């Protein structure tokens, strides 16, 4: 399993009224979709699910990303699914917007996670990084200026 942690270098200023790491997550999901990958975006709650869902709907027509909330959409799910629990369909990419590493993380070969600039969120991200290291993931970090 490969895990990339994106380290946001500026304060977690909202982008289009959502947290910067949510915007980055949506753009990553779009990139993965264009590469033909099925993606699961993990969130902590329904409010976060609706935020990322609405943000994906805001993309330009030529960069639309087919997506659905967990339990909605086609039986096999859209290329991008958003939810709080393990996806039913087989997916290889997870974008983690949750505060913890899910028990089902080993189902994925690619993991994307975020280290927001906010000190409290940064501390929580460090804990996720430690868990991923303990699971034997191949870890890398990438700094992102927002």
Protein backbone atom coordinates (compact mmCIF):
# COMPACT_ATOMS: atom_id res chain seq x y z
CA UNK A 1 0.00 0.00 0.00
CA UNK A 2 1.31 3.44 -0.97
CA UNK A 3 0.27 6.45 1.11
CA UNK A 4 0.86 10.08 0.20
CA UNK A 5 0.36 12.76 2.83
CA UNK A 6 -0.12 16.23 1.37
CA UNK A 7 1.29 18.85 3.73
CA UNK A 8 -0.57 22.13 3.26
CA UNK A 9 1.86 24.98 3.78
CA UNK A 10 -0.48 27.91 4.35
CA UNK A 11 -3.14 28.38 6.98
CA UNK A 12 -6.13 26.23 6.26
CA UNK A 13 -7.93 29.04 4.44
CA UNK A 14 -11.14 27.98 2.78
CA UNK A 15 -11.16 27.60 -0.99
CA UNK A 16 -14.57 28.38 -2.46
CA UNK A 17 -15.98 28.30 1.12
CA UNK A 18 -14.66 24.80 1.95
CA UNK A 19 -11.48 23.79 3.79
CA UNK A 20 -8.41 23.80 1.55
CA UNK A 21 -7.79 20.07 2.04
CA UNK A 22 -11.36 19.30 0.88
CA UNK A 23 -10.68 21.26 -2.32
CA UNK A 24 -7.43 19.37 -2.83
CA UNK A 25 -9.25 16.07 -2.18
CA UNK A 26 -11.82 16.91 -4.87
CA UNK A 27 -9.08 17.77 -7.36
CA UNK A 28 -7.26 14.50 -6.55
CA UNK A 29 -10.48 12.57 -7.06
CA UNK A 30 -10.88 14.26 -10.46
CA UNK A 31 -7.31 13.35 -11.44
CA UNK A 32 -7.81 9.72 -10.38
CA UNK A 33 -11.11 9.56 -12.28
CA UNK A 34 -9.39 10.83 -15.45
CA UNK A 35 -6.82 8.03 -14.99
CA UNK A 36 -9.64 5.48 -14.91
CA UNK A 37 -9.35 4.74 -11.19
CA UNK A 38 -12.31 4.12 -8.89
CA UNK A 39 -12.06 6.30 -5.78
CA UNK A 40 -13.57 6.28 -2.32
CA UNK A 41 -13.57 9.53 -0.33
CA UNK A 42 -13.85 8.78 3.39
CA UNK A 43 -15.43 11.43 5.61
CA UNK A 44 -16.29 11.60 9.30
CA UNK A 45 -19.96 12.52 8.95
CA UNK A 46 -22.84 13.30 6.59
CA UNK A 47 -22.17 17.03 6.77
CA UNK A 48 -18.64 16.54 5.39
CA UNK A 49 -20.01 14.12 2.77
CA UNK A 50 -22.44 16.77 1.56
CA UNK A 51 -19.72 19.45 1.52
CA UNK A 52 -17.41 17.41 -0.75
CA UNK A 53 -20.39 16.24 -2.84
CA UNK A 54 -21.52 19.83 -3.46
CA UNK A 55 -17.97 20.92 -4.24
CA UNK A 56 -17.64 18.21 -6.89
CA UNK A 57 -20.87 19.48 -8.47
CA UNK A 58 -19.27 22.93 -8.76
CA UNK A 59 -16.61 21.72 -11.20
CA UNK A 60 -16.83 23.02 -14.75
CA UNK A 61 -18.88 20.96 -17.21
CA UNK A 62 -15.74 19.81 -19.06
CA UNK A 63 -14.18 18.57 -15.80
CA UNK A 64 -17.27 16.88 -14.32
CA UNK A 65 -16.54 13.95 -12.01
CA UNK A 66 -19.26 11.28 -11.79
CA UNK A 67 -19.79 10.72 -8.08
CA UNK A 68 -22.37 9.74 -5.52
CA UNK A 69 -22.92 9.58 -1.80
CA UNK A 70 -22.70 6.12 -0.26
CA UNK A 71 -25.97 4.26 -0.74
CA UNK A 72 -27.05 6.42 -3.67
CA UNK A 73 -26.42 6.16 -7.39
CA UNK A 74 -25.90 3.05 -9.51
CA UNK A 75 -25.62 -0.38 -7.90
CA UNK A 76 -21.87 -0.66 -8.60
CA UNK A 77 -21.39 2.97 -7.58
CA UNK A 78 -20.05 5.89 -9.55
CA UNK A 79 -16.33 6.24 -10.26
CA UNK A 80 -16.10 8.39 -7.11
CA UNK A 81 -18.03 7.43 -3.99
CA UNK A 82 -18.25 9.50 -0.80
CA UNK A 83 -19.06 7.94 2.57
CA UNK A 84 -18.42 7.21 6.22
CA UNK A 85 -18.06 3.42 6.14
CA UNK A 86 -16.40 0.77 3.99
CA UNK A 87 -17.47 0.90 0.34
CA UNK A 88 -19.32 -2.09 -1.07
CA UNK A 89 -17.69 -1.90 -4.51
CA UNK A 90 -14.04 -2.79 -5.06
CA UNK A 91 -11.95 0.38 -5.16
CA UNK A 92 -8.17 0.75 -5.07
CA UNK A 93 -7.90 4.45 -4.13
CA UNK A 94 -9.01 6.06 -0.88
CA UNK A 95 -8.88 9.77 -0.17
CA UNK A 96 -9.06 10.14 3.59
CA UNK A 97 -10.79 13.24 4.92
CA UNK A 98 -11.62 11.47 8.19
CA UNK A 99 -9.77 12.13 11.43
CA UNK A 100 -8.73 8.48 11.81
CA UNK A 101 -7.42 5.64 9.67
CA UNK A 102 -10.30 3.25 8.96
CA UNK A 103 -10.11 -0.45 9.87
CA UNK A 104 -10.64 -1.32 6.20
CA UNK A 105 -7.65 0.70 4.90
CA UNK A 106 -5.80 -2.45 3.76
CA UNK A 107 -8.37 -2.90 0.98
CA UNK A 108 -6.76 -0.01 -0.91
CA UNK A 109 -3.47 0.11 -2.79
CA UNK A 110 -3.34 3.93 -2.90
CA UNK A 111 -4.05 6.21 0.05
CA UNK A 112 -4.17 9.99 -0.06
CA UNK A 113 -4.27 11.94 3.18
CA UNK A 114 -3.75 15.54 4.27
CA UNK A 115 -1.83 17.51 6.87
CA UNK A 116 -3.61 20.87 7.17
CA UNK A 117 -1.64 23.85 8.49
CA UNK A 118 -3.92 24.20 11.53
CA UNK A 119 -1.95 22.91 14.55
CA UNK A 120 -4.78 20.79 15.97
CA UNK A 121 -5.52 19.15 12.61
CA UNK A 122 -1.79 18.69 12.05
CA UNK A 123 -1.50 16.72 15.30
CA UNK A 124 -4.37 14.44 14.28
CA UNK A 125 -2.70 13.91 10.88
CA UNK A 126 0.54 12.91 12.61
CA UNK A 127 -1.36 10.17 14.41
CA UNK A 128 -2.75 8.88 11.09
CA UNK A 129 0.77 8.94 9.66
CA UNK A 130 2.03 6.83 12.59
CA UNK A 131 -0.78 4.29 12.10
CA UNK A 132 0.00 4.02 8.40
CA UNK A 133 3.68 3.48 9.19
CA UNK A 134 2.76 0.74 11.69
CA UNK A 135 0.66 -0.91 8.96
CA UNK A 136 3.74 -1.05 6.74
CA UNK A 137 2.57 1.44 4.13
CA UNK A 138 5.12 2.98 1.77
CA UNK A 139 4.84 6.57 2.96
CA UNK A 140 5.69 9.81 1.22
CA UNK A 141 4.90 13.44 1.80
CA UNK A 142 4.35 16.25 -0.63
CA UNK A 143 4.23 19.90 0.32
CA UNK A 144 1.43 21.91 -1.24
CA UNK A 145 1.22 25.71 -1.23
CA UNK A 146 -2.30 27.05 -1.20
